[in-house]
């Protein structure tokens, strides 16, 4: 239902922009919360960033705050993640995800509570 693109190999300090488009008849605008997760080899899938559709509020993990920016364009049916000042530890497969669950405050950070997923795009940060 979701298709990511934009991954690749980049040197430390470099930038990449990931994109997520809705496939088939799915629409990102209809999903309450859209976010990005990542999974490094041998590690659990972890929350990176998310944006609520109802409020536009954005949330980031501590490890990426100030370096990554999530944006959502409902008209274009697309979610993006601008990643700047990349570090070696940012190396992972990045997944676009969505959930219709709602929280009054904060955002859902558990991957198990997201219902919509892409296939992932690999980001490798290496010198």
Foldseek 3Di string as FASTA:
>chain_A
DKAKDWADEAAAQAKIKMKIADPDPDFPLVFFKKAKWWDDPPGDIWGAKMAGNVPRDIDGDPVQPPFKDWDDDRVRRMIMIIGGRDDQVVWTWMKMFTANDDDPDDDDTDPVRTDDIHPTDTHGHHD
